């Protein structure tokens, strides 16, 4: 049996993190639009964490997991 490709696992991890960030932003927008009865501060916090999760964390992970030059 062949070894699993670590690049494939890392790619799917980055995609999963990015989609979870989008989901957090959407949940935060639902709170801000009063579709979900949570405090407004929670909506702002969810949006902020979601934006960081969708835009910044995948870039940091990709930079950390970058292969060394040959």
PDB file of N, CA and C in Angstrom:
ATOM      1  N   UNK A   1       0.837  -1.173   0.000  1.00  0.00           N
ATOM      2  CA  UNK A   1       0.000   0.000   0.000  1.00  0.00           C
ATOM      3  C   UNK A   1       0.887   1.244   0.000  1.00  0.00           C
ATOM      4  N   UNK A   2       0.538   2.218  -0.785  1.00  0.00           N
ATOM      5  CA  UNK A   2       1.349   3.430  -0.892  1.00  0.00           C
ATOM      6  C   UNK A   2       1.064   4.375   0.280  1.00  0.00           C
ATOM      7  N   UNK A   3       2.011   5.233   0.530  1.00  0.00           N
ATOM      8  CA  UNK A   3       1.877   6.206   1.604  1.00  0.00           C
ATOM      9  C   UNK A   3       0.907   7.313   1.186  1.00  0.00           C
ATOM     10  N   UNK A   4       0.092   7.811   2.133  1.00  0.00           N
ATOM     11  CA  UNK A   4      -0.791   8.930   1.780  1.00  0.00           C
ATOM     12  C   UNK A   4       0.030  10.183   1.494  1.00  0.00           C
ATOM     13  N   UNK A   5      -0.431  10.962   0.555  1.00  0.00           N
ATOM     14  CA  UNK A   5       0.268  12.176   0.150  1.00  0.00           C
ATOM     15  C   UNK A   5      -0.014  13.287   1.159  1.00  0.00           C
ATOM     16  N   UNK A   6       1.012  13.812   1.847  1.00  0.00           N
ATOM     17  CA  UNK A   6       0.769  14.872   2.828  1.00  0.00           C
ATOM     18  C   UNK A   6       0.274  16.169   2.178  1.00  0.00           C
ATOM     19  N   UNK A   7       0.645  16.408   0.930  1.00  0.00           N
ATOM     20  CA  UNK A   7       0.175  17.623   0.252  1.00  0.00           C
ATOM     21  C   UNK A   7      -1.336  17.573   0.051  1.00  0.00           C
ATOM     22  N   UNK A   8      -1.850  16.396  -0.245  1.00  0.00           N
ATOM     23  CA  UNK A   8      -3.297  16.250  -0.431  1.00  0.00           C
ATOM     24  C   UNK A   8      -4.047  16.508   0.879  1.00  0.00           C
ATOM     25  N   UNK A   9      -3.540  15.968   1.973  1.00  0.00           N
ATOM     26  CA  UNK A   9      -4.164  16.179   3.277  1.00  0.00           C
ATOM     27  C   UNK A   9      -4.101  17.653   3.677  1.00  0.00           C
ATOM     28  N   UNK A  10      -2.978  18.296   3.401  1.00  0.00           N
ATOM     29  CA  UNK A  10      -2.841  19.717   3.729  1.00  0.00           C
ATOM     30  C   UNK A  10      -3.772  20.574   2.886  1.00  0.00           C
ATOM     31  N   UNK A  11      -3.927  20.220   1.620  1.00  0.00           N
ATOM     32  CA  UNK A  11      -4.836  20.959   0.749  1.00  0.00           C
ATOM     33  C   UNK A  11      -6.261  20.877   1.282  1.00  0.00           C
ATOM     34  N   UNK A  12      -6.694  19.666   1.638  1.00  0.00           N
ATOM     35  CA  UNK A  12      -8.053  19.519   2.151  1.00  0.00           C
ATOM     36  C   UNK A  12      -8.229  20.210   3.499  1.00  0.00           C
ATOM     37  N   UNK A  13      -7.178  20.253   4.315  1.00  0.00           N
ATOM     38  CA  UNK A  13      -7.256  20.980   5.583  1.00  0.00           C
ATOM     39  C   UNK A  13      -7.446  22.470   5.339  1.00  0.00           C
ATOM     40  N   UNK A  14      -6.702  23.010   4.373  1.00  0.00           N
ATOM     41  CA  UNK A  14      -6.834  24.436   4.058  1.00  0.00           C
ATOM     42  C   UNK A  14      -8.229  24.742   3.519  1.00  0.00           C
ATOM     43  N   UNK A  15      -8.747  23.879   2.649  1.00  0.00           N
ATOM     44  CA  UNK A  15     -10.087  24.087   2.098  1.00  0.00           C
ATOM     45  C   UNK A  15     -11.135  24.009   3.205  1.00  0.00           C
ATOM     46  N   UNK A  16     -10.993  23.058   4.111  1.00  0.00           N
ATOM     47  CA  UNK A  16     -11.947  22.914   5.215  1.00  0.00           C
ATOM     48  C   UNK A  16     -11.920  24.130   6.133  1.00  0.00           C
ATOM     49  N   UNK A  17     -10.737  24.640   6.416  1.00  0.00           N
ATOM     50  CA  UNK A  17     -10.618  25.831   7.258  1.00  0.00           C
ATOM     51  C   UNK A  17     -11.256  27.034   6.570  1.00  0.00           C
ATOM     52  N   UNK A  18     -11.015  27.168   5.266  1.00  0.00           N
ATOM     53  CA  UNK A  18     -11.589  28.291   4.529  1.00  0.00           C
ATOM     54  C   UNK A  18     -13.120  28.232   4.529  1.00  0.00           C
ATOM     55  N   UNK A  19     -13.695  27.048   4.295  1.00  0.00           N
ATOM     56  CA  UNK A  19     -15.149  26.906   4.289  1.00  0.00           C
ATOM     57  C   UNK A  19     -15.750  27.103   5.684  1.00  0.00           C
ATOM     58  N   UNK A  20     -15.044  26.679   6.723  1.00  0.00           N
ATOM     59  CA  UNK A  20     -15.555  26.919   8.072  1.00  0.00           C
ATOM     60  C   UNK A  20     -15.573  28.416   8.381  1.00  0.00           C
ATOM     61  N   UNK A  21     -14.596  29.145   7.871  1.00  0.00           N
ATOM     62  CA  UNK A  21     -14.606  30.598   8.037  1.00  0.00           C
ATOM     63  C   UNK A  21     -15.782  31.249   7.341  1.00  0.00           C
ATOM     64  N   UNK A  22     -16.090  30.783   6.141  1.00  0.00           N
ATOM     65  CA  UNK A  22     -17.260  31.310   5.417  1.00  0.00           C
ATOM     66  C   UNK A  22     -18.536  31.002   6.189  1.00  0.00           C
ATOM     67  N   UNK A  23     -18.625  29.796   6.749  1.00  0.00           N
ATOM     68  CA  UNK A  23     -19.807  29.427   7.529  1.00  0.00           C
ATOM     69  C   UNK A  23     -19.941  30.310   8.769  1.00  0.00           C
ATOM     70  N   UNK A  24     -18.822  30.630   9.415  1.00  0.00           N
ATOM     71  CA  UNK A  24     -18.876  31.509  10.583  1.00  0.00           C
ATOM     72  C   UNK A  24     -19.336  32.918  10.214  1.00  0.00           C
ATOM     73  N   UNK A  25     -18.868  33.414   9.075  1.00  0.00           N
ATOM     74  CA  UNK A  25     -19.312  34.737   8.629  1.00  0.00           C
ATOM     75  C   UNK A  25     -20.819  34.725   8.359  1.00  0.00           C
ATOM     76  N   UNK A  26     -21.304  33.698   7.692  1.00  0.00           N
ATOM     77  CA  UNK A  26     -22.738  33.616   7.420  1.00  0.00           C
ATOM     78  C   UNK A  26     -23.544  33.506   8.703  1.00  0.00           C
ATOM     79  N   UNK A  27     -23.063  32.738   9.663  1.00  0.00           N
ATOM     80  CA  UNK A  27     -23.750  32.640  10.950  1.00  0.00           C
ATOM     81  C   UNK A  27     -23.761  33.993  11.656  1.00  0.00           C
ATOM     82  N   UNK A  28     -22.637  34.692  11.601  1.00  0.00           N
ATOM     83  CA  UNK A  28     -22.580  36.030  12.190  1.00  0.00           C
ATOM     84  C   UNK A  28     -23.540  37.002  11.516  1.00  0.00           C
ATOM     85  N   UNK A  29     -23.658  36.912  10.197  1.00  0.00           N
ATOM     86  CA  UNK A  29     -24.609  37.785   9.494  1.00  0.00           C
ATOM     87  C   UNK A  29     -26.053  37.454   9.861  1.00  0.00           C
ATOM     88  N   UNK A  30     -26.343  36.183  10.068  1.00  0.00           N
ATOM     89  CA  UNK A  30     -27.693  35.803  10.514  1.00  0.00           C
ATOM     90  C   UNK A  30     -27.996  36.381  11.895  1.00  0.00           C
ATOM     91  N   UNK A  31     -26.988  36.404  12.750  1.00  0.00           N
ATOM     92  CA  UNK A  31     -27.179  36.989  14.082  1.00  0.00           C
ATOM     93  C   UNK A  31     -27.387  38.493  13.957  1.00  0.00           C
ATOM     94  N   UNK A  32     -26.586  39.143  13.112  1.00  0.00           N
ATOM     95  CA  UNK A  32     -26.710  40.589  12.953  1.00  0.00           C
ATOM     96  C   UNK A  32     -28.033  40.993  12.312  1.00  0.00           C
ATOM     97  N   UNK A  33     -28.578  40.162  11.449  1.00  0.00           N
ATOM     98  CA  UNK A  33     -29.867  40.450  10.812  1.00  0.00           C
ATOM     99  C   UNK A  33     -31.053  40.001  11.669  1.00  0.00           C
ATOM    100  N   UNK A  34     -30.752  39.506  12.881  1.00  0.00           N
ATOM    101  CA  UNK A  34     -31.770  39.078  13.846  1.00  0.00           C
ATOM    102  C   UNK A  34     -32.577  37.872  13.389  1.00  0.00           C
ATOM    103  N   UNK A  35     -31.975  37.025  12.533  1.00  0.00           N
ATOM    104  CA  UNK A  35     -32.618  35.756  12.163  1.00  0.00           C
ATOM    105  C   UNK A  35     -32.382  34.726  13.255  1.00  0.00           C
ATOM    106  N   UNK A  36     -31.288  34.905  14.008  1.00  0.00           N
ATOM    107  CA  UNK A  36     -30.970  34.066  15.158  1.00  0.00           C
ATOM    108  C   UNK A  36     -30.946  34.986  16.371  1.00  0.00           C
ATOM    109  N   UNK A  37     -31.609  34.580  17.435  1.00  0.00           N
ATOM    110  CA  UNK A  37     -31.752  35.434  18.610  1.00  0.00           C
ATOM    111  C   UNK A  37     -30.563  35.265  19.554  1.00  0.00           C
ATOM    112  N   UNK A  38     -29.434  35.805  19.146  1.00  0.00           N
ATOM    113  CA  UNK A  38     -28.226  35.844  19.960  1.00  0.00           C
ATOM    114  C   UNK A  38     -27.835  37.304  20.131  1.00  0.00           C
ATOM    115  N   UNK A  39     -26.963  37.608  21.070  1.00  0.00           N
ATOM    116  CA  UNK A  39     -26.522  39.010  21.220  1.00  0.00           C
ATOM    117  C   UNK A  39     -25.802  39.505  19.960  1.00  0.00           C
ATOM    118  N   UNK A  40     -25.963  40.778  19.690  1.00  0.00           N
ATOM    119  CA  UNK A  40     -25.360  41.382  18.512  1.00  0.00           C
ATOM    120  C   UNK A  40     -23.833  41.284  18.566  1.00  0.00           C
ATOM    121  N   UNK A  41     -23.277  41.371  19.774  1.00  0.00           N
ATOM    122  CA  UNK A  41     -21.827  41.271  19.925  1.00  0.00           C
ATOM    123  C   UNK A  41     -21.326  39.913  19.440  1.00  0.00           C
ATOM    124  N   UNK A  42     -22.118  38.878  19.646  1.00  0.00           N
ATOM    125  CA  UNK A  42     -21.743  37.547  19.173  1.00  0.00           C
ATOM    126  C   UNK A  42     -21.699  37.523  17.642  1.00  0.00           C
ATOM    127  N   UNK A  43     -22.616  38.233  17.005  1.00  0.00           N
ATOM    128  CA  UNK A  43     -22.617  38.313  15.554  1.00  0.00           C
ATOM    129  C   UNK A  43     -21.368  38.988  15.019  1.00  0.00           C
ATOM    130  N   UNK A  44     -20.973  40.093  15.662  1.00  0.00           N
ATOM    131  CA  UNK A  44     -19.747  40.774  15.239  1.00  0.00           C
ATOM    132  C   UNK A  44     -18.525  39.889  15.462  1.00  0.00           C
ATOM    133  N   UNK A  45     -18.493  39.201  16.604  1.00  0.00           N
ATOM    134  CA  UNK A  45     -17.359  38.321  16.902  1.00  0.00           C
ATOM    135  C   UNK A  45     -17.292  37.171  15.893  1.00  0.00           C
ATOM    136  N   UNK A  46     -18.430  36.576  15.561  1.00  0.00           N
ATOM    137  CA  UNK A  46     -18.448  35.485  14.585  1.00  0.00           C
ATOM    138  C   UNK A  46     -17.979  35.962  13.215  1.00  0.00           C
ATOM    139  N   UNK A  47     -18.419  37.136  12.814  1.00  0.00           N
ATOM    140  CA  UNK A  47     -17.976  37.682  11.523  1.00  0.00           C
ATOM    141  C   UNK A  47     -16.473  37.930  11.513  1.00  0.00           C
ATOM    142  N   UNK A  48     -15.956  38.501  12.583  1.00  0.00           N
ATOM    143  CA  UNK A  48     -14.525  38.798  12.645  1.00  0.00           C
ATOM    144  C   UNK A  48     -13.699  37.511  12.636  1.00  0.00           C
ATOM    145  N   UNK A  49     -14.086  36.552  13.455  1.00  0.00           N
ATOM    146  CA  UNK A  49     -13.352  35.281  13.496  1.00  0.00           C
ATOM    147  C   UNK A  49     -13.472  34.557  12.162  1.00  0.00           C
ATOM    148  N   UNK A  50     -14.639  34.615  11.541  1.00  0.00           N
ATOM    149  CA  UNK A  50     -14.826  33.970  10.253  1.00  0.00           C
ATOM    150  C   UNK A  50     -13.976  34.579   9.156  1.00  0.00           C
ATOM    151  N   UNK A  51     -13.859  35.899   9.152  1.00  0.00           N
ATOM    152  CA  UNK A  51     -13.033  36.562   8.142  1.00  0.00           C
ATOM    153  C   UNK A  51     -11.562  36.195   8.329  1.00  0.00           C
ATOM    154  N   UNK A  52     -11.105  36.192   9.571  1.00  0.00           N
ATOM    155  CA  UNK A  52      -9.716  35.793   9.843  1.00  0.00           C
ATOM    156  C   UNK A  52      -9.510  34.337   9.440  1.00  0.00           C
ATOM    157  N   UNK A  53     -10.504  33.494   9.771  1.00  0.00           N
ATOM    158  CA  UNK A  53     -10.413  32.069   9.469  1.00  0.00           C
ATOM    159  C   UNK A  53     -10.427  31.801   7.961  1.00  0.00           C
ATOM    160  N   UNK A  54     -11.147  32.592   7.215  1.00  0.00           N
ATOM    161  CA  UNK A  54     -11.264  32.351   5.776  1.00  0.00           C
ATOM    162  C   UNK A  54     -10.138  32.992   4.967  1.00  0.00           C
ATOM    163  N   UNK A  55      -9.580  34.094   5.451  1.00  0.00           N
ATOM    164  CA  UNK A  55      -8.612  34.821   4.640  1.00  0.00           C
ATOM    165  C   UNK A  55      -7.173  34.730   5.132  1.00  0.00           C
ATOM    166  N   UNK A  56      -6.960  34.722   6.423  1.00  0.00           N
ATOM    167  CA  UNK A  56      -5.607  34.820   6.948  1.00  0.00           C
ATOM    168  C   UNK A  56      -5.024  33.460   7.321  1.00  0.00           C
ATOM    169  N   UNK A  57      -5.795  32.630   8.007  1.00  0.00           N
ATOM    170  CA  UNK A  57      -5.273  31.343   8.485  1.00  0.00           C
ATOM    171  C   UNK A  57      -4.820  30.433   7.344  1.00  0.00           C
ATOM    172  N   UNK A  58      -5.573  30.295   6.235  1.00  0.00           N
ATOM    173  CA  UNK A  58      -5.069  29.442   5.152  1.00  0.00           C
ATOM    174  C   UNK A  58      -3.735  29.927   4.572  1.00  0.00           C
ATOM    175  N   UNK A  59      -3.547  31.223   4.494  1.00  0.00           N
ATOM    176  CA  UNK A  59      -2.286  31.764   4.000  1.00  0.00           C
ATOM    177  C   UNK A  59      -1.135  31.435   4.949  1.00  0.00           C
ATOM    178  N   UNK A  60      -1.394  31.560   6.245  1.00  0.00           N
ATOM    179  CA  UNK A  60      -0.359  31.231   7.222  1.00  0.00           C
ATOM    180  C   UNK A  60      -0.010  29.748   7.182  1.00  0.00           C
ATOM    181  N   UNK A  61      -1.007  28.900   7.061  1.00  0.00           N
ATOM    182  CA  UNK A  61      -0.748  27.465   6.984  1.00  0.00           C
ATOM    183  C   UNK A  61       0.011  27.103   5.712  1.00  0.00           C
ATOM    184  N   UNK A  62      -0.375  27.695   4.597  1.00  0.00           N
ATOM    185  CA  UNK A  62       0.323  27.402   3.341  1.00  0.00           C
ATOM    186  C   UNK A  62       1.779  27.837   3.421  1.00  0.00           C
ATOM    187  N   UNK A  63       2.031  28.967   4.051  1.00  0.00           N
ATOM    188  CA  UNK A  63       3.411  29.432   4.186  1.00  0.00           C
ATOM    189  C   UNK A  63       4.203  28.513   5.124  1.00  0.00           C
ATOM    190  N   UNK A  64       3.547  28.039   6.182  1.00  0.00           N
ATOM    191  CA  UNK A  64       4.221  27.152   7.131  1.00  0.00           C
ATOM    192  C   UNK A  64       4.510  25.787   6.511  1.00  0.00           C
ATOM    193  N   UNK A  65       3.583  25.301   5.694  1.00  0.00           N
ATOM    194  CA  UNK A  65       3.709  23.977   5.095  1.00  0.00           C
ATOM    195  C   UNK A  65       4.449  23.984   3.757  1.00  0.00           C
ATOM    196  N   UNK A  66       4.963  25.124   3.351  1.00  0.00           N
ATOM    197  CA  UNK A  66       5.634  25.218   2.066  1.00  0.00           C
ATOM    198  C   UNK A  66       6.858  24.318   2.037  1.00  0.00           C
ATOM    199  N   UNK A  67       7.037  23.639   0.923  1.00  0.00           N
ATOM    200  CA  UNK A  67       8.178  22.740   0.768  1.00  0.00           C
ATOM    201  C   UNK A  67       9.454  23.560   0.678  1.00  0.00           C
ATOM    202  N   UNK A  68      10.543  23.038   1.225  1.00  0.00           N
ATOM    203  CA  UNK A  68      11.811  23.768   1.113  1.00  0.00           C
ATOM    204  C   UNK A  68      12.298  23.746  -0.343  1.00  0.00           C
ATOM    205  N   UNK A  69      13.025  24.776  -0.744  1.00  0.00           N
ATOM    206  CA  UNK A  69      13.530  24.790  -2.124  1.00  0.00           C
ATOM    207  C   UNK A  69      14.512  23.634  -2.340  1.00  0.00           C
ATOM    208  N   UNK A  70      14.526  23.100  -3.551  1.00  0.00           N
ATOM    209  CA  UNK A  70      15.413  21.953  -3.817  1.00  0.00           C
ATOM    210  C   UNK A  70      16.879  22.321  -3.800  1.00  0.00           C
TER     211      UNK A  70
END
